[in-house]
């Protein structure tokens, strides 16, 4: 599904309903991130098990998020900045990749959607929102 403005959401979710979709992966585009609360509300209203890569999604009422830790990424940026300030050339610095990932589950939303989250999945979550 594609959406480039909020008015596209109604048609997209109607199509998902028509197709009988049971799940949704929300893209990482800034457009979606800025509307994460609305998307969390719509996914629950339409009974979709949805996942986002941003921790704000389950915090806003969505089901699950799995993605890089933004806080850890900012730490890496700070370390790079410090190295550059101390005289290292940016072109000499290695390319860094995320090393910390976060997995959050909103248990209240799971119950609302009628989903039973297995204890094994809950045990590996970084955070479970009751």
C-alpha atoms as a PDB file:
ATOM      1  CA  UNK A   1       0.000   0.000   0.000  1.00  0.00           C
ATOM      2  CA  UNK A   2       1.167   3.512  -0.698  1.00  0.00           C
ATOM      3  CA  UNK A   3       0.236   6.772   0.971  1.00  0.00           C
ATOM      4  CA  UNK A   4       1.739  10.163   0.311  1.00  0.00           C
ATOM      5  CA  UNK A   5      -0.686  12.213   2.410  1.00  0.00           C
ATOM      6  CA  UNK A   6      -3.056  11.559   5.288  1.00  0.00           C
ATOM      7  CA  UNK A   7      -6.091  11.504   3.013  1.00  0.00           C
ATOM      8  CA  UNK A   8      -4.610   8.362   1.367  1.00  0.00           C
ATOM      9  CA  UNK A   9      -4.856   6.454   4.661  1.00  0.00           C
ATOM     10  CA  UNK A  10      -8.624   5.881   4.444  1.00  0.00           C
ATOM     11  CA  UNK A  11      -8.373   4.278   1.003  1.00  0.00           C
ATOM     12  CA  UNK A  12      -5.304   2.251   1.972  1.00  0.00           C
ATOM     13  CA  UNK A  13      -6.952   0.812   5.076  1.00  0.00           C
ATOM     14  CA  UNK A  14     -10.167   0.147   3.154  1.00  0.00           C
ATOM     15  CA  UNK A  15      -8.143  -1.822   0.606  1.00  0.00           C
ATOM     16  CA  UNK A  16      -6.418  -3.739   3.411  1.00  0.00           C
ATOM     17  CA  UNK A  17      -9.849  -4.592   4.832  1.00  0.00           C
ATOM     18  CA  UNK A  18     -11.080  -5.703   1.404  1.00  0.00           C
ATOM     19  CA  UNK A  19      -8.021  -7.899   0.903  1.00  0.00           C
ATOM     20  CA  UNK A  20      -8.502  -9.433   4.335  1.00  0.00           C
ATOM     21  CA  UNK A  21      -5.012  -8.426   5.408  1.00  0.00           C
ATOM     22  CA  UNK A  22      -4.132  -9.454   8.923  1.00  0.00           C
ATOM     23  CA  UNK A  23      -0.842  -7.642   9.291  1.00  0.00           C
ATOM     24  CA  UNK A  24       0.969  -4.510   8.185  1.00  0.00           C
ATOM     25  CA  UNK A  25       4.610  -3.462   8.047  1.00  0.00           C
ATOM     26  CA  UNK A  26       4.894   0.315   8.338  1.00  0.00           C
ATOM     27  CA  UNK A  27       7.732   1.804   6.300  1.00  0.00           C
ATOM     28  CA  UNK A  28      10.515   3.902   7.731  1.00  0.00           C
ATOM     29  CA  UNK A  29       9.752   7.031   5.732  1.00  0.00           C
ATOM     30  CA  UNK A  30       9.629  10.237   7.764  1.00  0.00           C
ATOM     31  CA  UNK A  31       6.073  10.789   6.539  1.00  0.00           C
ATOM     32  CA  UNK A  32       4.937   7.693   8.452  1.00  0.00           C
ATOM     33  CA  UNK A  33       7.105   8.442  11.462  1.00  0.00           C
ATOM     34  CA  UNK A  34       5.490  11.866  11.818  1.00  0.00           C
ATOM     35  CA  UNK A  35       2.068  10.181  11.851  1.00  0.00           C
ATOM     36  CA  UNK A  36       2.940   7.202  14.040  1.00  0.00           C
ATOM     37  CA  UNK A  37       0.159   7.879  16.567  1.00  0.00           C
ATOM     38  CA  UNK A  38      -2.481   8.041  13.833  1.00  0.00           C
ATOM     39  CA  UNK A  39      -1.125   4.858  12.250  1.00  0.00           C
ATOM     40  CA  UNK A  40      -1.178   3.065  15.604  1.00  0.00           C
ATOM     41  CA  UNK A  41      -4.810   4.064  16.055  1.00  0.00           C
ATOM     42  CA  UNK A  42      -5.781   3.003  12.523  1.00  0.00           C
ATOM     43  CA  UNK A  43      -4.054  -0.377  12.730  1.00  0.00           C
ATOM     44  CA  UNK A  44      -5.874  -1.239  15.942  1.00  0.00           C
ATOM     45  CA  UNK A  45      -9.198   0.089  14.645  1.00  0.00           C
ATOM     46  CA  UNK A  46      -8.836  -2.116  11.550  1.00  0.00           C
ATOM     47  CA  UNK A  47      -7.660  -5.122  13.546  1.00  0.00           C
ATOM     48  CA  UNK A  48      -4.213  -5.306  11.982  1.00  0.00           C
ATOM     49  CA  UNK A  49      -1.177  -6.726  13.699  1.00  0.00           C
ATOM     50  CA  UNK A  50       1.348  -4.071  12.708  1.00  0.00           C
ATOM     51  CA  UNK A  51       5.059  -3.575  13.140  1.00  0.00           C
ATOM     52  CA  UNK A  52       7.218  -0.495  12.803  1.00  0.00           C
ATOM     53  CA  UNK A  53      10.925   0.008  13.210  1.00  0.00           C
ATOM     54  CA  UNK A  54      10.380   2.845  15.685  1.00  0.00           C
ATOM     55  CA  UNK A  55       9.822   2.360  19.420  1.00  0.00           C
ATOM     56  CA  UNK A  56       7.298   5.211  19.364  1.00  0.00           C
ATOM     57  CA  UNK A  57       4.826   2.943  17.541  1.00  0.00           C
ATOM     58  CA  UNK A  58       3.999   0.538  20.398  1.00  0.00           C
ATOM     59  CA  UNK A  59       4.313   3.429  22.844  1.00  0.00           C
ATOM     60  CA  UNK A  60       1.505   5.120  20.864  1.00  0.00           C
ATOM     61  CA  UNK A  61      -0.666   1.988  20.952  1.00  0.00           C
ATOM     62  CA  UNK A  62       0.671  -0.012  17.998  1.00  0.00           C
ATOM     63  CA  UNK A  63       1.538  -3.689  18.427  1.00  0.00           C
ATOM     64  CA  UNK A  64       5.276  -4.209  17.873  1.00  0.00           C
ATOM     65  CA  UNK A  65       8.448  -2.407  16.933  1.00  0.00           C
ATOM     66  CA  UNK A  66      11.828  -3.794  16.015  1.00  0.00           C
ATOM     67  CA  UNK A  67      14.636  -1.563  14.878  1.00  0.00           C
ATOM     68  CA  UNK A  68      17.830   0.200  15.668  1.00  0.00           C
ATOM     69  CA  UNK A  69      18.182   2.155  18.871  1.00  0.00           C
ATOM     70  CA  UNK A  70      18.058   5.838  17.977  1.00  0.00           C
ATOM     71  CA  UNK A  71      19.737   6.692  21.284  1.00  0.00           C
ATOM     72  CA  UNK A  72      22.632   4.359  20.460  1.00  0.00           C
ATOM     73  CA  UNK A  73      22.910   5.889  16.977  1.00  0.00           C
ATOM     74  CA  UNK A  74      23.178   9.354  18.535  1.00  0.00           C
ATOM     75  CA  UNK A  75      25.969   8.072  20.779  1.00  0.00           C
ATOM     76  CA  UNK A  76      27.827   6.845  17.705  1.00  0.00           C
ATOM     77  CA  UNK A  77      27.342  10.239  16.051  1.00  0.00           C
ATOM     78  CA  UNK A  78      28.734  11.901  19.167  1.00  0.00           C
ATOM     79  CA  UNK A  79      31.782   9.628  19.155  1.00  0.00           C
ATOM     80  CA  UNK A  80      32.405  10.403  15.479  1.00  0.00           C
ATOM     81  CA  UNK A  81      31.998  14.117  16.105  1.00  0.00           C
ATOM     82  CA  UNK A  82      34.516  13.931  18.931  1.00  0.00           C
ATOM     83  CA  UNK A  83      37.033  12.145  16.729  1.00  0.00           C
ATOM     84  CA  UNK A  84      36.639  14.765  14.002  1.00  0.00           C
ATOM     85  CA  UNK A  85      36.987  17.641  16.482  1.00  0.00           C
ATOM     86  CA  UNK A  86      40.218  16.044  17.718  1.00  0.00           C
ATOM     87  CA  UNK A  87      41.593  16.181  14.172  1.00  0.00           C
ATOM     88  CA  UNK A  88      40.728  12.907  12.467  1.00  0.00           C
ATOM     89  CA  UNK A  89      39.622  13.160   8.857  1.00  0.00           C
ATOM     90  CA  UNK A  90      36.044  12.032   8.268  1.00  0.00           C
ATOM     91  CA  UNK A  91      37.202  10.098   5.205  1.00  0.00           C
ATOM     92  CA  UNK A  92      39.564   8.061   7.421  1.00  0.00           C
ATOM     93  CA  UNK A  93      36.831   6.975   9.824  1.00  0.00           C
ATOM     94  CA  UNK A  94      35.270   3.547   9.331  1.00  0.00           C
ATOM     95  CA  UNK A  95      31.670   3.195   8.280  1.00  0.00           C
ATOM     96  CA  UNK A  96      29.652   2.341  11.359  1.00  0.00           C
ATOM     97  CA  UNK A  97      26.563   0.214  11.377  1.00  0.00           C
ATOM     98  CA  UNK A  98      23.950  -0.062  14.085  1.00  0.00           C
ATOM     99  CA  UNK A  99      24.869  -2.556  16.763  1.00  0.00           C
ATOM    100  CA  UNK A 100      21.937  -2.214  19.138  1.00  0.00           C
ATOM    101  CA  UNK A 101      18.413  -3.161  18.161  1.00  0.00           C
ATOM    102  CA  UNK A 102      15.259  -2.821  20.226  1.00  0.00           C
ATOM    103  CA  UNK A 103      12.203  -5.077  20.291  1.00  0.00           C
ATOM    104  CA  UNK A 104       9.050  -3.717  21.960  1.00  0.00           C
ATOM    105  CA  UNK A 105       5.642  -5.324  22.355  1.00  0.00           C
ATOM    106  CA  UNK A 106       2.451  -3.593  23.440  1.00  0.00           C
ATOM    107  CA  UNK A 107       0.648  -6.338  25.358  1.00  0.00           C
ATOM    108  CA  UNK A 108      -2.507  -4.257  25.822  1.00  0.00           C
ATOM    109  CA  UNK A 109      -2.796  -3.885  22.043  1.00  0.00           C
ATOM    110  CA  UNK A 110      -2.175  -7.607  21.572  1.00  0.00           C
ATOM    111  CA  UNK A 111      -5.109  -8.341  23.896  1.00  0.00           C
ATOM    112  CA  UNK A 112      -7.302  -5.810  22.054  1.00  0.00           C
ATOM    113  CA  UNK A 113      -6.478  -7.565  18.767  1.00  0.00           C
ATOM    114  CA  UNK A 114      -7.152 -10.985  20.316  1.00  0.00           C
ATOM    115  CA  UNK A 115      -3.542 -12.090  19.947  1.00  0.00           C
ATOM    116  CA  UNK A 116      -1.755 -14.308  22.426  1.00  0.00           C
ATOM    117  CA  UNK A 117       1.919 -13.410  22.519  1.00  0.00           C
ATOM    118  CA  UNK A 118       3.968 -16.508  23.397  1.00  0.00           C
ATOM    119  CA  UNK A 119       5.996 -16.267  26.614  1.00  0.00           C
ATOM    120  CA  UNK A 120       9.142 -17.077  24.624  1.00  0.00           C
ATOM    121  CA  UNK A 121       8.601 -13.912  22.557  1.00  0.00           C
ATOM    122  CA  UNK A 122       7.819 -11.807  25.612  1.00  0.00           C
ATOM    123  CA  UNK A 123      11.021 -13.022  27.274  1.00  0.00           C
ATOM    124  CA  UNK A 124      13.231 -11.691  24.473  1.00  0.00           C
ATOM    125  CA  UNK A 125      11.494  -8.314  24.195  1.00  0.00           C
ATOM    126  CA  UNK A 126      13.518  -5.328  25.378  1.00  0.00           C
ATOM    127  CA  UNK A 127      10.330  -3.776  26.689  1.00  0.00           C
ATOM    128  CA  UNK A 128       6.779  -5.020  27.191  1.00  0.00           C
ATOM    129  CA  UNK A 129       4.158  -2.330  27.483  1.00  0.00           C
ATOM    130  CA  UNK A 130       1.336  -3.428  29.766  1.00  0.00           C
END
